[in-house]
C-alpha atoms as a PDB file:
ATOM      1  CA  MET A   1      55.479-130.256 -71.329  1.00  0.00           C
ATOM      2  CA  GLU A   2      55.505-126.493 -71.617  1.00  0.00           C
ATOM      3  CA  LYS A   3      52.682-124.902 -73.660  1.00  0.00           C
ATOM      4  CA  ILE A   4      53.421-124.051 -77.257  1.00  0.00           C
ATOM      5  CA  THR A   5      52.284-121.088 -79.354  1.00  0.00           C
ATOM      6  CA  LEU A   6      49.809-121.483 -82.233  1.00  0.00           C
ATOM      7  CA  LYS A   7      52.607-121.090 -84.791  1.00  0.00           C
ATOM      8  CA  GLU A   8      54.801-123.698 -83.006  1.00  0.00           C
ATOM      9  CA  LYS A   9      51.796-125.998 -82.964  1.00  0.00           C
ATOM     10  CA  ARG A  10      51.332-125.651 -86.730  1.00  0.00           C
ATOM     11  CA  VAL A  11      55.035-126.435 -87.318  1.00  0.00           C
ATOM     12  CA  LEU A  12      54.790-129.514 -85.045  1.00  0.00           C
ATOM     13  CA  GLU A  13      51.589-130.687 -86.805  1.00  0.00           C
ATOM     14  CA  PHE A  14      53.325-130.293 -90.188  1.00  0.00           C
ATOM     15  CA  ILE A  15      56.320-132.361 -89.030  1.00  0.00           C
ATOM     16  CA  ILE A  16      54.000-135.090 -87.717  1.00  0.00           C
ATOM     17  CA  ARG A  17      51.911-135.090 -90.879  1.00  0.00           C
ATOM     18  CA  ARG A  18      54.996-135.451 -93.070  1.00  0.00           C
ATOM     19  CA  ILE A  19      56.201-138.380 -90.969  1.00  0.00           C
ATOM     20  CA  LYS A  20      52.840-140.101 -91.254  1.00  0.00           C
ATOM     21  CA  GLU A  21      52.588-139.443 -95.050  1.00  0.00           C
ATOM     22  CA  ASP A  22      56.216-139.955 -96.063  1.00  0.00           C
ATOM     23  CA  GLY A  23      57.626-142.173 -93.315  1.00  0.00           C
ATOM     24  CA  PHE A  24      60.336-139.652 -92.355  1.00  0.00           C
ATOM     25  CA  PRO A  25      60.560-136.054 -91.038  1.00  0.00           C
ATOM     26  CA  PRO A  26      60.912-133.033 -93.319  1.00  0.00           C
ATOM     27  CA  THR A  27      64.157-131.119 -93.756  1.00  0.00           C
ATOM     28  CA  ILE A  28      64.596-127.562 -92.385  1.00  0.00           C
ATOM     29  CA  ARG A  29      64.272-126.222 -95.972  1.00  0.00           C
ATOM     30  CA  GLU A  30      61.073-128.164 -96.511  1.00  0.00           C
ATOM     31  CA  ILE A  31      59.566-126.676 -93.385  1.00  0.00           C
ATOM     32  CA  GLY A  32      60.617-123.211 -94.470  1.00  0.00           C
ATOM     33  CA  ARG A  33      59.048-123.602 -97.849  1.00  0.00           C
ATOM     34  CA  ALA A  34      55.778-124.942 -96.386  1.00  0.00           C
ATOM     35  CA  PHE A  35      55.394-121.861 -94.125  1.00  0.00           C
ATOM     36  CA  GLY A  36      56.922-119.232 -96.468  1.00  0.00           C
ATOM     37  CA  PHE A  37      59.840-118.518 -94.166  1.00  0.00           C
ATOM     38  CA  SER A  38      62.519-116.623 -95.977  1.00  0.00           C
ATOM     39  CA  SER A  39      65.324-117.891 -93.693  1.00  0.00           C
ATOM     40  CA  THR A  40      66.320-121.279 -92.391  1.00  0.00           C
ATOM     41  CA  GLY A  41      67.190-119.422 -89.133  1.00  0.00           C
ATOM     42  CA  THR A  42      63.467-118.873 -88.526  1.00  0.00           C
ATOM     43  CA  VAL A  43      62.802-122.582 -88.875  1.00  0.00           C
ATOM     44  CA  ARG A  44      65.693-123.363 -86.538  1.00  0.00           C
ATOM     45  CA  ASP A  45      64.161-120.951 -83.951  1.00  0.00           C
ATOM     46  CA  TYR A  46      60.851-122.791 -84.091  1.00  0.00           C
ATOM     47  CA  LEU A  47      62.631-126.151 -83.779  1.00  0.00           C
ATOM     48  CA  ARG A  48      64.735-124.964 -80.860  1.00  0.00           C
ATOM     49  CA  ASN A  49      61.641-123.776 -79.046  1.00  0.00           C
ATOM     50  CA  LEU A  50      59.823-127.086 -79.686  1.00  0.00           C
ATOM     51  CA  SER A  51      62.857-128.961 -78.470  1.00  0.00           C
ATOM     52  CA  ARG A  52      63.271-126.835 -75.339  1.00  0.00           C
ATOM     53  CA  LYS A  53      59.592-127.385 -74.499  1.00  0.00           C
ATOM     54  CA  GLY A  54      59.929-131.136 -74.841  1.00  0.00           C
ATOM     55  CA  TYR A  55      57.952-131.779 -78.082  1.00  0.00           C
ATOM     56  CA  ILE A  56      60.851-132.829 -80.345  1.00  0.00           C
ATOM     57  CA  LYS A  57      64.441-134.001 -80.231  1.00  0.00           C
ATOM     58  CA  ILE A  58      66.857-132.594 -82.764  1.00  0.00           C
ATOM     59  CA  PHE A  59      69.835-134.400 -84.228  1.00  0.00           C
ATOM     60  CA  PRO A  60      71.815-131.550 -85.830  1.00  0.00           C
ATOM     61  CA  SER A  61      74.139-133.751 -87.873  1.00  0.00           C
ATOM     62  CA  ARG A  62      71.281-135.327 -89.807  1.00  0.00           C
ATOM     63  CA  ALA A  63      69.347-133.831 -92.705  1.00  0.00           C
ATOM     64  CA  ARG A  64      66.047-135.160 -91.363  1.00  0.00           C
ATOM     65  CA  GLY A  65      67.028-135.279 -87.713  1.00  0.00           C
ATOM     66  CA  ILE A  66      63.711-134.202 -86.109  1.00  0.00           C
ATOM     67  CA  VAL A  67      62.089-136.709 -83.758  1.00  0.00           C
ATOM     68  CA  PRO A  68      58.681-135.915 -82.177  1.00  0.00           C
ATOM     69  CA  LEU A  69      58.749-137.120 -78.573  1.00  0.00           C
ATOM     70  CA  GLY A  70      55.991-139.234 -77.021  1.00  0.00           C
ATOM     71  CA  LEU A  71      53.927-139.186 -80.217  1.00  0.00           C
ATOM     72  CA  PHE A  72      55.047-142.261 -82.105  1.00  0.00           C
ATOM     73  CA  GLY A  73      56.894-144.356 -79.565  1.00  0.00           C
ATOM     74  CA  ILE A  74      60.518-145.408 -79.389  1.00  0.00           C
ATOM     75  CA  PRO A  75      62.632-144.291 -82.420  1.00  0.00           C
ATOM     76  CA  VAL A  76      64.347-147.163 -84.233  1.00  0.00           C
ATOM     77  CA  VAL A  77      67.566-145.331 -85.167  1.00  0.00           C
ATOM     78  CA  GLY A  78      69.229-147.883 -87.339  1.00  0.00           C
ATOM     79  CA  LYS A  79      70.637-151.407 -87.601  1.00  0.00           C
ATOM     80  CA  ILE A  80      73.287-152.868 -85.438  1.00  0.00           C
ATOM     81  CA  PRO A  81      75.214-156.041 -86.103  1.00  0.00           C
ATOM     82  CA  ALA A  82      75.210-158.921 -83.677  1.00  0.00           C
ATOM     83  CA  GLY A  83      78.310-160.265 -85.364  1.00  0.00           C
ATOM     84  CA  ILE A  84      81.276-158.314 -86.633  1.00  0.00           C
ATOM     85  CA  PRO A  85      81.094-154.639 -85.553  1.00  0.00           C
ATOM     86  CA  GLU A  86      80.252-152.087 -88.181  1.00  0.00           C
ATOM     87  CA  ILE A  87      79.184-148.523 -88.451  1.00  0.00           C
ATOM     88  CA  PRO A  88      75.570-148.111 -87.400  1.00  0.00           C
ATOM     89  CA  VAL A  89      73.061-146.337 -89.653  1.00  0.00           C
ATOM     90  CA  GLU A  90      72.274-142.890 -88.102  1.00  0.00           C
ATOM     91  CA  GLU A  91      68.800-142.494 -89.536  1.00  0.00           C
ATOM     92  CA  ILE A  92      65.451-143.093 -87.926  1.00  0.00           C
ATOM     93  CA  GLU A  93      63.840-145.974 -89.813  1.00  0.00           C
ATOM     94  CA  SER A  94      60.549-146.211 -87.954  1.00  0.00           C
ATOM     95  CA  TYR A  95      58.950-145.952 -84.519  1.00  0.00           C
ATOM     96  CA  LEU A  96      58.314-148.835 -82.151  1.00  0.00           C
ATOM     97  CA  ARG A  97      55.109-148.454 -80.285  1.00  0.00           C
ATOM     98  CA  ILE A  98      55.346-149.919 -76.811  1.00  0.00           C
ATOM     99  CA  GLU A  99      52.875-148.335 -74.420  1.00  0.00           C
ATOM    100  CA  GLU A 100      54.394-149.337 -71.112  1.00  0.00           C
ATOM    101  CA  ILE A 101      58.088-149.706 -71.596  1.00  0.00           C
ATOM    102  CA  GLY A 102      58.562-147.918 -68.222  1.00  0.00           C
ATOM    103  CA  GLU A 103      61.642-146.046 -69.428  1.00  0.00           C
ATOM    104  CA  GLU A 104      62.210-142.596 -70.875  1.00  0.00           C
ATOM    105  CA  ASN A 105      65.008-141.578 -73.216  1.00  0.00           C
ATOM    106  CA  VAL A 106      65.335-145.044 -74.807  1.00  0.00           C
ATOM    107  CA  PHE A 107      66.018-145.868 -78.446  1.00  0.00           C
ATOM    108  CA  ALA A 108      65.833-149.035 -80.470  1.00  0.00           C
ATOM    109  CA  LEU A 109      68.106-150.728 -82.979  1.00  0.00           C
ATOM    110  CA  LYS A 110      67.336-153.494 -85.456  1.00  0.00           C
ATOM    111  CA  VAL A 111      69.694-156.475 -85.067  1.00  0.00           C
ATOM    112  CA  LYS A 112      71.660-157.954 -88.017  1.00  0.00           C
ATOM    113  CA  GLY A 113      73.702-161.155 -87.691  1.00  0.00           C
ATOM    114  CA  GLU A 114      73.490-164.268 -85.522  1.00  0.00           C
ATOM    115  CA  SER A 115      76.105-163.830 -82.833  1.00  0.00           C
ATOM    116  CA  MET A 116      73.545-163.217 -80.067  1.00  0.00           C
ATOM    117  CA  THR A 117      71.099-166.053 -80.920  1.00  0.00           C
ATOM    118  CA  GLY A 118      72.277-167.900 -77.767  1.00  0.00           C
ATOM    119  CA  LYS A 119      70.739-165.080 -75.772  1.00  0.00           C
ATOM    120  CA  GLY A 120      67.496-165.169 -77.729  1.00  0.00           C
ATOM    121  CA  ILE A 121      68.336-162.133 -79.914  1.00  0.00           C
ATOM    122  CA  LEU A 122      67.682-163.095 -83.511  1.00  0.00           C
ATOM    123  CA  PRO A 123      68.378-161.342 -86.813  1.00  0.00           C
ATOM    124  CA  GLY A 124      65.559-158.822 -87.441  1.00  0.00           C
ATOM    125  CA  ASP A 125      64.773-158.374 -83.719  1.00  0.00           C
ATOM    126  CA  ILE A 126      64.735-154.934 -82.284  1.00  0.00           C
ATOM    127  CA  VAL A 127      66.716-154.258 -79.118  1.00  0.00           C
ATOM    128  CA  ILE A 128      65.512-151.523 -76.801  1.00  0.00           C
ATOM    129  CA  VAL A 129      68.443-149.574 -75.397  1.00  0.00           C
ATOM    130  CA  ARG A 130      68.815-147.312 -72.419  1.00  0.00           C
ATOM    131  CA  PRO A 131      71.673-144.837 -73.106  1.00  0.00           C
ATOM    132  CA  GLN A 132      74.327-145.141 -70.403  1.00  0.00           C
ATOM    133  CA  PRO A 133      78.148-145.100 -70.459  1.00  0.00           C
ATOM    134  CA  THR A 134      78.711-147.995 -68.038  1.00  0.00           C
ATOM    135  CA  ALA A 135      77.374-151.467 -67.461  1.00  0.00           C
ATOM    136  CA  GLU A 136      77.871-154.490 -65.163  1.00  0.00           C
ATOM    137  CA  ASP A 137      79.472-157.802 -65.918  1.00  0.00           C
ATOM    138  CA  GLY A 138      76.867-159.941 -67.751  1.00  0.00           C
ATOM    139  CA  ASP A 139      74.798-157.037 -69.101  1.00  0.00           C
ATOM    140  CA  ILE A 140      73.889-157.075 -72.766  1.00  0.00           C
ATOM    141  CA  VAL A 141      75.209-153.785 -74.160  1.00  0.00           C
ATOM    142  CA  VAL A 142      75.577-151.664 -77.271  1.00  0.00           C
ATOM    143  CA  ALA A 143      79.248-150.811 -77.608  1.00  0.00           C
ATOM    144  CA  VAL A 144      81.129-148.596 -80.055  1.00  0.00           C
ATOM    145  CA  ILE A 145      84.693-149.622 -81.006  1.00  0.00           C
ATOM    146  CA  GLY A 146      86.286-146.772 -82.841  1.00  0.00           C
ATOM    147  CA  GLU A 147      83.414-145.796 -85.157  1.00  0.00           C
ATOM    148  CA  GLU A 148      81.903-149.313 -85.277  1.00  0.00           C
ATOM    149  CA  ALA A 149      78.972-150.491 -83.104  1.00  0.00           C
ATOM    150  CA  THR A 150      77.939-153.940 -81.953  1.00  0.00           C
ATOM    151  CA  VAL A 151      75.528-155.635 -79.532  1.00  0.00           C
ATOM    152  CA  LYS A 152      77.228-158.183 -77.139  1.00  0.00           C
ATOM    153  CA  THR A 153      77.355-159.367 -73.579  1.00  0.00           C
ATOM    154  CA  LEU A 154      79.867-157.374 -71.388  1.00  0.00           C
ATOM    155  CA  ARG A 155      82.248-159.692 -69.534  1.00  0.00           C
ATOM    156  CA  LYS A 156      85.077-159.266 -67.041  1.00  0.00           C
ATOM    157  CA  GLU A 157      87.701-162.059 -66.718  1.00  0.00           C
ATOM    158  CA  ARG A 158      91.020-161.754 -64.812  1.00  0.00           C
ATOM    159  CA  GLY A 159      90.643-158.011 -64.644  1.00  0.00           C
ATOM    160  CA  ASN A 160      90.093-157.586 -68.380  1.00  0.00           C
ATOM    161  CA  TRP A 161      86.787-156.484 -70.004  1.00  0.00           C
ATOM    162  CA  TYR A 162      85.581-157.896 -73.281  1.00  0.00           C
ATOM    163  CA  LEU A 163      82.483-158.274 -75.423  1.00  0.00           C
ATOM    164  CA  GLU A 164      81.170-161.816 -75.651  1.00  0.00           C
ATOM    165  CA  SER A 165      78.937-163.132 -78.388  1.00  0.00           C
ATOM    166  CA  ALA A 166      76.387-165.897 -77.723  1.00  0.00           C
ATOM    167  CA  HIS A 167      77.295-167.968 -80.733  1.00  0.00           C
ATOM    168  CA  PRO A 168      80.383-170.249 -81.013  1.00  0.00           C
ATOM    169  CA  SER A 169      81.383-168.896 -84.417  1.00  0.00           C
ATOM    170  CA  TYR A 170      82.140-165.430 -83.059  1.00  0.00           C
ATOM    171  CA  PRO A 171      85.210-164.850 -80.813  1.00  0.00           C
ATOM    172  CA  PRO A 172      85.173-162.422 -77.919  1.00  0.00           C
ATOM    173  CA  ILE A 173      86.221-158.822 -78.584  1.00  0.00           C
ATOM    174  CA  PRO A 174      88.585-157.247 -76.014  1.00  0.00           C
ATOM    175  CA  LEU A 175      87.639-153.776 -74.883  1.00  0.00           C
ATOM    176  CA  SER A 176      90.391-151.296 -75.612  1.00  0.00           C
ATOM    177  CA  GLU A 177      90.979-147.572 -75.188  1.00  0.00           C
ATOM    178  CA  ASN A 178      88.933-146.724 -78.322  1.00  0.00           C
ATOM    179  CA  ALA A 179      85.908-148.729 -77.122  1.00  0.00           C
ATOM    180  CA  ARG A 180      82.960-147.369 -75.171  1.00  0.00           C
ATOM    181  CA  ILE A 181      79.589-148.531 -73.893  1.00  0.00           C
ATOM    182  CA  VAL A 182      76.780-146.414 -75.324  1.00  0.00           C
ATOM    183  CA  GLY A 183      73.824-148.235 -73.726  1.00  0.00           C
ATOM    184  CA  LYS A 184      72.360-151.260 -72.001  1.00  0.00           C
ATOM    185  CA  VAL A 185      69.863-153.489 -73.769  1.00  0.00           C
ATOM    186  CA  ILE A 186      66.748-153.534 -71.602  1.00  0.00           C
ATOM    187  CA  GLY A 187      64.385-155.412 -73.949  1.00  0.00           C
ATOM    188  CA  VAL A 188      63.942-157.171 -77.183  1.00  0.00           C
ATOM    189  CA  TRP A 189      60.942-156.852 -79.513  1.00  0.00           C
ATOM    190  CA  ARG A 190      60.119-159.333 -82.265  1.00  0.00           C
ATOM    191  CA  ASP A 191      57.524-158.928 -84.967  1.00  0.00           C
ATOM    192  CA  TYR A 192      56.369-162.399 -85.882  1.00  0.00           C
ATOM    193  CA  ARG A 193      54.323-161.077 -88.778  1.00  0.00           C
ATOM    194  CA  ARG A 194      57.556-160.473 -90.662  1.00  0.00           C
ATOM    195  CA  ARG A 195      59.159-163.843 -90.056  1.00  0.00           C
END
């Protein structure tokens, strides 16, 4: 990572401290108040620099969309159903600490529903996802259908693609023009302390 200035370091340390204390990152206005900046533009400049240098990732559409990179682990960005597709939550809930995942630029989603239990993915599990727009037949994927997301197995049969559950109660979902693959599931993490 590129070296940061002392002021950028202080802003980064403030963001990290707030995440540790509050469980979520500060807003742009909260950063501005903490440092006495008169303009949110000044805060945005600091955040852009930190992002460009590889210290944070910014999600502009979120009020608290600042994610420190490489400091906390993999961001768990919401819950995804393993049943009927629904809109995913676009907030970072927590960070999954896995030291040797062997992948960069991955994210994690907490699973709801039972449609993937036949593949060993249970409600409450966290799937680790590599963002990618395509996948192979048989891959477990995160797909968005319209504005709804789901985790399923990608299947091709007689030239048609569909999303297959791993539970007999859930029928396959045909892929259509408004459906897209957003990532491939590369791992599942389960916390037995919470079961």
